[in-house]
């Protein structure tokens, strides 16, 4: 499961990088830039949530699975 979470983090990070190339900084809220900006924010949320999941699983293992 840990490797699957790492894979998802890599996929979400690559989506952030790809969508960053699509951005037009002159018109951020128009056309494809708007979609890319929303996708960057969504992927960033996924990365944060997956890191929280990893930390919570590590804490759970250290506590002894009560």
C-alpha atoms as a PDB file:
ATOM      1  CA  UNK A   1       0.000   0.000   0.000  1.00  0.00           C
ATOM      2  CA  UNK A   2       2.887   2.345   0.794  1.00  0.00           C
ATOM      3  CA  UNK A   3       4.306   1.981  -2.720  1.00  0.00           C
ATOM      4  CA  UNK A   4       0.889   2.684  -4.249  1.00  0.00           C
ATOM      5  CA  UNK A   5       0.674   5.906  -2.243  1.00  0.00           C
ATOM      6  CA  UNK A   6       4.134   6.909  -3.460  1.00  0.00           C
ATOM      7  CA  UNK A   7       3.052   6.154  -7.031  1.00  0.00           C
ATOM      8  CA  UNK A   8       0.001   8.386  -6.616  1.00  0.00           C
ATOM      9  CA  UNK A   9       2.199  11.175  -5.248  1.00  0.00           C
ATOM     10  CA  UNK A  10       4.475  10.903  -8.287  1.00  0.00           C
ATOM     11  CA  UNK A  11       1.502  10.951 -10.681  1.00  0.00           C
ATOM     12  CA  UNK A  12      -0.032  13.987  -8.964  1.00  0.00           C
ATOM     13  CA  UNK A  13       3.318  15.795  -8.992  1.00  0.00           C
ATOM     14  CA  UNK A  14       3.774  15.093 -12.685  1.00  0.00           C
ATOM     15  CA  UNK A  15       0.281  16.466 -13.338  1.00  0.00           C
ATOM     16  CA  UNK A  16       1.259  19.640 -11.485  1.00  0.00           C
ATOM     17  CA  UNK A  17       4.346  19.994 -13.677  1.00  0.00           C
ATOM     18  CA  UNK A  18       2.431  19.319 -16.890  1.00  0.00           C
ATOM     19  CA  UNK A  19      -0.334  21.772 -16.052  1.00  0.00           C
ATOM     20  CA  UNK A  20       2.236  24.402 -15.122  1.00  0.00           C
ATOM     21  CA  UNK A  21       3.445  24.293 -18.731  1.00  0.00           C
ATOM     22  CA  UNK A  22      -0.085  24.985 -19.983  1.00  0.00           C
ATOM     23  CA  UNK A  23      -0.540  28.140 -17.898  1.00  0.00           C
ATOM     24  CA  UNK A  24      -0.656  31.505 -19.647  1.00  0.00           C
ATOM     25  CA  UNK A  25       0.397  34.004 -16.993  1.00  0.00           C
ATOM     26  CA  UNK A  26      -1.135  36.930 -18.882  1.00  0.00           C
ATOM     27  CA  UNK A  27      -4.628  35.394 -18.748  1.00  0.00           C
ATOM     28  CA  UNK A  28      -4.715  33.037 -15.777  1.00  0.00           C
ATOM     29  CA  UNK A  29      -8.485  32.841 -15.476  1.00  0.00           C
ATOM     30  CA  UNK A  30      -9.374  32.355 -19.141  1.00  0.00           C
ATOM     31  CA  UNK A  31      -9.545  29.269 -21.336  1.00  0.00           C
ATOM     32  CA  UNK A  32      -7.042  26.461 -20.861  1.00  0.00           C
ATOM     33  CA  UNK A  33      -5.186  28.379 -18.161  1.00  0.00           C
ATOM     34  CA  UNK A  34      -8.241  28.281 -15.923  1.00  0.00           C
ATOM     35  CA  UNK A  35      -8.506  24.513 -16.321  1.00  0.00           C
ATOM     36  CA  UNK A  36      -4.777  24.074 -15.710  1.00  0.00           C
ATOM     37  CA  UNK A  37      -4.928  26.247 -12.590  1.00  0.00           C
ATOM     38  CA  UNK A  38      -7.808  24.215 -11.171  1.00  0.00           C
ATOM     39  CA  UNK A  39      -5.952  20.986 -11.972  1.00  0.00           C
ATOM     40  CA  UNK A  40      -2.802  22.266 -10.254  1.00  0.00           C
ATOM     41  CA  UNK A  41      -4.769  23.116  -7.113  1.00  0.00           C
ATOM     42  CA  UNK A  42      -6.538  19.746  -7.130  1.00  0.00           C
ATOM     43  CA  UNK A  43      -3.281  17.847  -7.601  1.00  0.00           C
ATOM     44  CA  UNK A  44      -1.639  19.834  -4.810  1.00  0.00           C
ATOM     45  CA  UNK A  45      -4.518  18.894  -2.505  1.00  0.00           C
ATOM     46  CA  UNK A  46      -4.059  15.230  -3.427  1.00  0.00           C
ATOM     47  CA  UNK A  47      -0.341  15.395  -2.631  1.00  0.00           C
ATOM     48  CA  UNK A  48      -1.007  17.007   0.758  1.00  0.00           C
ATOM     49  CA  UNK A  49      -3.692  14.469   1.637  1.00  0.00           C
ATOM     50  CA  UNK A  50      -1.461  11.549   0.658  1.00  0.00           C
ATOM     51  CA  UNK A  51       1.372  12.872   2.816  1.00  0.00           C
ATOM     52  CA  UNK A  52      -1.075  13.173   5.713  1.00  0.00           C
ATOM     53  CA  UNK A  53      -2.119   9.565   5.073  1.00  0.00           C
ATOM     54  CA  UNK A  54       1.509   8.419   5.143  1.00  0.00           C
ATOM     55  CA  UNK A  55       2.175  10.238   8.416  1.00  0.00           C
ATOM     56  CA  UNK A  56      -0.988   8.903  10.044  1.00  0.00           C
ATOM     57  CA  UNK A  57      -0.113   5.331   9.003  1.00  0.00           C
ATOM     58  CA  UNK A  58       3.380   5.734  10.469  1.00  0.00           C
ATOM     59  CA  UNK A  59       1.926   7.035  13.743  1.00  0.00           C
ATOM     60  CA  UNK A  60      -0.536   4.160  13.835  1.00  0.00           C
ATOM     61  CA  UNK A  61       2.252   1.622  13.398  1.00  0.00           C
ATOM     62  CA  UNK A  62       4.335   3.219  16.153  1.00  0.00           C
ATOM     63  CA  UNK A  63       1.412   3.188  18.593  1.00  0.00           C
ATOM     64  CA  UNK A  64       1.033  -0.565  18.179  1.00  0.00           C
ATOM     65  CA  UNK A  65      -2.274  -0.765  16.242  1.00  0.00           C
ATOM     66  CA  UNK A  66      -4.494  -0.342  19.310  1.00  0.00           C
END
